[in-house]
Amino acid sequence: MTLGDPILKDGLQAGVLASTLSLDHRNAASIAIAAYLSKAVFVIAGEAPEGSEELSIAPDKGFQLKKITHVWPSGKEEIEYPSASIIEAAKPKYTEDFVPQALDETWNAHGQDTVLWKIKEAELQFQIDFWTNTDPVREAMAAHLEHLFNPEEVRRGVILEGPKEYFCCPIRVTLEDTLRIDNSESTLTRERRLKTTMVADIPVLQLRRAVALDPQLTPTEEL
């Protein structure tokens, strides 16, 4: 061994990392949420023309987000409406006293003689702001978000597939609350903002080398 080498129990090398991740669990969750929102179609209900005595109603109008960023909008850039921004809202919470465990079902799934290890479980809180310049668009987004993040009756939240750079790990995302933000500054600029808080539950993973065991059977002596 040389300076800086890991000292492992009994000299085994099975626990050494098999790859270096390009995404951590926080970026993986943020990317999965953005991908989900990018596919969402929001709907503005059709209305009869103002002043019209006819019963005809204009068809519903669907729209999607034009842009989703992972940073707070810069004051130097013009916001594309409708759009969204995703940022971390609080310090991550981790399960206390969690014992790292190998996920047997991932044996050789991401490379020969490798297995994924769950190091701990994380609860991440994100602030996701939706930006637009009309009330109908904001109301359409607020209404549909409840469905997007509660698509099933049997459980709260939605489970998303994570990015392949994070082993397509399932991520549970829950919509905690929504708040319409209106103040003097936004009113002057005709901006309509919808602030939401979402919680993502995701395991912290590592891909490690794993050597298959070759069990030797010892015959039982007859008494």
Protein backbone atom coordinates (compact mmCIF):
# COMPACT_ATOMS: atom_id res chain seq x y z
CA MET A 1 0.00 0.00 0.00
CA THR A 2 1.07 3.59 -0.58
CA LEU A 3 0.25 6.91 1.01
CA GLY A 4 -3.44 7.74 0.65
CA ASP A 5 -4.64 4.21 -0.09
CA PRO A 6 -7.81 3.16 1.80
CA ILE A 7 -7.21 0.71 4.63
CA LEU A 8 -10.00 -1.83 4.45
CA LYS A 9 -10.95 -4.60 6.82
CA ASP A 10 -8.89 -7.78 6.31
CA GLY A 11 -7.29 -6.18 3.26
CA LEU A 12 -10.37 -6.84 1.12
CA GLN A 13 -10.91 -4.60 -1.88
CA ALA A 14 -14.56 -5.49 -2.45
CA GLY A 15 -15.78 -2.23 -0.94
CA VAL A 16 -13.77 0.09 -3.18
CA LEU A 17 -15.88 2.35 -5.40
CA ALA A 18 -16.36 0.99 -8.92
CA SER A 19 -17.13 4.39 -10.45
CA THR A 20 -17.24 8.10 -9.71
CA LEU A 21 -20.70 9.65 -9.92
CA SER A 22 -21.29 12.64 -12.16
CA LEU A 23 -24.47 13.51 -10.20
CA ASP A 24 -25.10 13.56 -6.48
CA HIS A 25 -28.49 12.68 -5.00
CA ARG A 26 -29.57 16.34 -4.79
CA ASN A 27 -28.91 17.04 -8.47
CA ALA A 28 -30.50 13.73 -9.43
CA ALA A 29 -33.73 14.65 -7.65
CA SER A 30 -33.80 18.16 -9.11
CA ILE A 31 -33.28 16.84 -12.66
CA ALA A 32 -36.04 14.23 -12.25
CA ILE A 33 -38.52 16.86 -11.05
CA ALA A 34 -37.62 19.16 -13.95
CA ALA A 35 -38.10 16.35 -16.47
CA TYR A 36 -41.51 15.54 -15.01
CA LEU A 37 -42.66 19.16 -15.10
CA SER A 38 -41.39 19.60 -18.67
CA LYS A 39 -43.86 16.93 -19.84
CA ALA A 40 -46.85 18.41 -18.00
CA VAL A 41 -49.66 19.97 -20.03
CA PHE A 42 -51.61 22.64 -18.16
CA VAL A 43 -55.07 23.65 -19.34
CA ILE A 44 -56.91 26.98 -19.36
CA ALA A 45 -60.65 26.33 -19.50
CA GLY A 46 -62.45 27.78 -22.49
CA GLU A 47 -64.93 30.62 -21.94
CA ALA A 48 -67.65 32.32 -23.92
CA PRO A 49 -66.50 35.57 -25.58
CA GLU A 50 -67.14 38.58 -23.36
CA GLY A 51 -70.44 40.28 -24.21
CA SER A 52 -71.53 37.39 -26.39
CA GLU A 53 -75.08 36.11 -26.00
CA GLU A 54 -74.28 32.89 -27.84
CA LEU A 55 -73.87 29.63 -26.00
CA SER A 56 -70.67 28.77 -27.86
CA ILE A 57 -67.60 28.39 -25.65
CA ALA A 58 -64.04 28.65 -26.85
CA PRO A 59 -62.09 25.37 -26.65
CA ASP A 60 -59.77 24.69 -23.76
CA LYS A 61 -56.21 25.86 -24.29
CA GLY A 62 -53.27 23.69 -23.27
CA PHE A 63 -49.74 24.92 -22.65
CA GLN A 64 -46.39 23.71 -21.31
CA LEU A 65 -43.52 25.35 -19.50
CA LYS A 66 -41.08 26.99 -21.89
CA LYS A 67 -38.06 26.76 -19.62
CA ILE A 68 -37.01 25.16 -16.32
CA THR A 69 -33.82 26.28 -14.59
CA HIS A 70 -31.95 24.98 -11.55
CA VAL A 71 -30.92 28.44 -10.38
CA TRP A 72 -32.78 31.55 -9.25
CA PRO A 73 -33.68 33.78 -12.23
CA SER A 74 -31.05 36.43 -12.92
CA GLY A 75 -32.17 40.04 -12.83
CA LYS A 76 -30.17 40.61 -16.01
CA GLU A 77 -32.14 38.06 -18.05
CA GLU A 78 -35.69 38.36 -19.25
CA ILE A 79 -37.86 35.52 -17.96
CA GLU A 80 -39.61 33.38 -20.54
CA TYR A 81 -43.25 32.92 -19.53
CA PRO A 82 -44.39 30.46 -18.42
CA SER A 83 -41.30 28.97 -16.81
CA ALA A 84 -40.08 27.48 -13.53
CA SER A 85 -37.02 27.54 -11.32
CA ILE A 86 -35.87 24.83 -8.89
CA ILE A 87 -33.63 25.57 -5.91
CA GLU A 88 -32.93 23.90 -2.57
CA ALA A 89 -35.13 25.27 0.19
CA ALA A 90 -33.52 23.76 3.28
CA LYS A 91 -30.65 21.66 4.54
CA PRO A 92 -31.08 17.97 3.63
CA LYS A 93 -32.28 15.57 6.33
CA TYR A 94 -30.73 12.11 6.60
CA THR A 95 -31.99 8.99 8.36
CA GLU A 96 -30.18 8.62 11.67
CA ASP A 97 -28.36 5.40 12.57
CA PHE A 98 -28.85 4.01 9.08
CA VAL A 99 -26.72 0.92 8.41
CA PRO A 100 -25.33 0.88 4.82
CA GLN A 101 -26.59 -2.09 2.85
CA ALA A 102 -25.90 -3.74 -0.48
CA LEU A 103 -28.88 -3.89 -2.84
CA ASP A 104 -28.77 -7.53 -3.96
CA GLU A 105 -31.09 -6.93 -6.91
CA THR A 106 -28.46 -4.63 -8.49
CA TRP A 107 -25.74 -7.31 -8.61
CA ASN A 108 -23.94 -6.91 -11.99
CA ALA A 109 -26.73 -4.58 -13.19
CA HIS A 110 -24.34 -1.65 -13.67
CA GLY A 111 -21.14 -3.51 -14.50
CA GLN A 112 -19.51 -6.89 -14.01
CA ASP A 113 -18.75 -7.68 -10.37
CA THR A 114 -20.45 -4.55 -9.03
CA VAL A 115 -23.36 -3.86 -6.71
CA LEU A 116 -25.13 -0.71 -5.57
CA TRP A 117 -24.89 0.23 -1.91
CA LYS A 118 -27.47 2.37 -0.15
CA ILE A 119 -25.37 4.53 2.18
CA LYS A 120 -28.24 6.47 3.75
CA GLU A 121 -31.68 7.87 2.99
CA ALA A 122 -32.17 11.56 2.26
CA GLU A 123 -35.14 13.90 2.50
CA LEU A 124 -34.63 16.94 0.28
CA GLN A 125 -36.76 20.09 0.27
CA PHE A 126 -37.02 22.11 -2.93
CA GLN A 127 -38.55 25.49 -3.63
CA ILE A 128 -40.06 25.50 -7.10
CA ASP A 129 -41.32 28.81 -8.42
CA PHE A 130 -43.56 29.09 -11.47
CA TRP A 131 -43.33 32.36 -13.38
CA THR A 132 -45.94 33.83 -15.70
CA ASN A 133 -47.57 37.16 -16.51
CA THR A 134 -51.28 36.27 -16.53
CA ASP A 135 -53.68 35.13 -13.83
CA PRO A 136 -55.36 32.37 -15.92
CA VAL A 137 -52.01 30.72 -16.59
CA ARG A 138 -51.03 30.83 -12.93
CA GLU A 139 -54.38 29.41 -11.84
CA ALA A 140 -54.12 26.62 -14.42
CA MET A 141 -50.69 25.65 -13.08
CA ALA A 142 -51.85 25.75 -9.45
CA ALA A 143 -54.85 23.55 -10.21
CA HIS A 144 -52.94 20.91 -12.19
CA LEU A 145 -50.03 20.59 -9.76
CA GLU A 146 -52.30 18.92 -7.22
CA HIS A 147 -53.07 16.20 -9.77
CA LEU A 148 -49.50 15.89 -11.04
CA PHE A 149 -48.12 15.12 -7.60
CA ASN A 150 -51.06 13.05 -6.36
CA PRO A 151 -51.93 10.85 -9.36
CA GLU A 152 -52.99 7.82 -7.30
CA GLU A 153 -55.54 7.28 -4.57
CA VAL A 154 -53.46 4.74 -2.65
CA ARG A 155 -50.62 7.07 -1.71
CA ARG A 156 -49.58 10.69 -1.51
CA GLY A 157 -46.93 11.96 -3.89
CA VAL A 158 -45.52 10.54 -7.11
CA ILE A 159 -42.58 8.22 -7.74
CA LEU A 160 -40.30 9.37 -10.55
CA GLU A 161 -37.54 7.53 -12.35
CA GLY A 162 -34.22 9.23 -11.72
CA PRO A 163 -31.55 10.06 -14.32
CA LYS A 164 -29.43 7.23 -15.71
CA GLU A 165 -26.34 8.97 -14.29
CA TYR A 166 -27.82 8.08 -10.88
CA PHE A 167 -28.75 4.51 -11.82
CA CYS A 168 -32.39 5.40 -12.70
CA CYS A 169 -33.07 5.38 -8.96
CA PRO A 170 -36.78 5.81 -8.00
CA ILE A 171 -37.47 9.17 -6.31
CA ARG A 172 -40.60 9.92 -4.32
CA VAL A 173 -41.73 13.56 -4.68
CA THR A 174 -44.48 15.16 -2.61
CA LEU A 175 -46.08 18.58 -3.08
CA GLU A 176 -46.17 20.23 0.35
CA ASP A 177 -47.77 23.63 -0.33
CA THR A 178 -48.40 26.38 -2.87
CA LEU A 179 -48.48 30.14 -2.40
CA ARG A 180 -49.41 32.91 -4.83
CA ILE A 181 -46.91 35.75 -4.55
CA ASP A 182 -48.22 39.23 -5.35
CA ASN A 183 -46.52 42.43 -4.25
CA SER A 184 -46.07 45.98 -5.51
CA GLU A 185 -42.98 45.09 -7.52
CA SER A 186 -44.54 42.12 -9.28
CA THR A 187 -47.75 44.05 -9.95
CA LEU A 188 -45.86 46.81 -11.72
CA THR A 189 -44.07 44.31 -13.95
CA ARG A 190 -47.29 42.32 -14.53
CA GLU A 191 -45.58 39.24 -13.15
CA ARG A 192 -47.54 36.42 -11.56
CA ARG A 193 -45.55 34.01 -9.38
CA LEU A 194 -46.58 30.70 -7.85
CA LYS A 195 -44.26 29.47 -5.10
CA THR A 196 -44.32 25.79 -4.19
CA THR A 197 -42.47 23.56 -1.77
CA MET A 198 -41.76 19.94 -2.68
CA VAL A 199 -40.05 17.15 -0.75
CA ALA A 200 -38.02 14.43 -2.47
CA ASP A 201 -37.11 11.15 -0.76
CA ILE A 202 -34.08 9.52 -2.35
CA PRO A 203 -31.40 7.04 -1.26
CA VAL A 204 -27.73 8.03 -1.29
CA LEU A 205 -26.07 5.45 -3.53
CA GLN A 206 -22.56 4.23 -4.31
CA LEU A 207 -21.50 1.68 -6.93
CA ARG A 208 -18.91 -0.65 -5.43
CA ARG A 209 -16.91 -3.58 -6.64
CA ALA A 210 -18.22 -6.90 -5.37
CA VAL A 211 -16.54 -10.29 -5.64
CA ALA A 212 -18.73 -13.36 -5.92
CA LEU A 213 -18.21 -15.88 -3.15
CA ASP A 214 -17.32 -19.50 -3.90
CA PRO A 215 -18.85 -21.41 -1.00
CA GLN A 216 -17.15 -24.63 0.08
CA LEU A 217 -19.35 -27.28 1.56
CA THR A 218 -18.00 -29.14 4.58
CA PRO A 219 -19.35 -32.70 4.90
CA THR A 220 -21.16 -33.45 8.13
CA GLU A 221 -19.65 -36.21 10.19
CA GLU A 222 -21.98 -38.99 11.17
CA LEU A 223 -22.40 -39.54 14.86
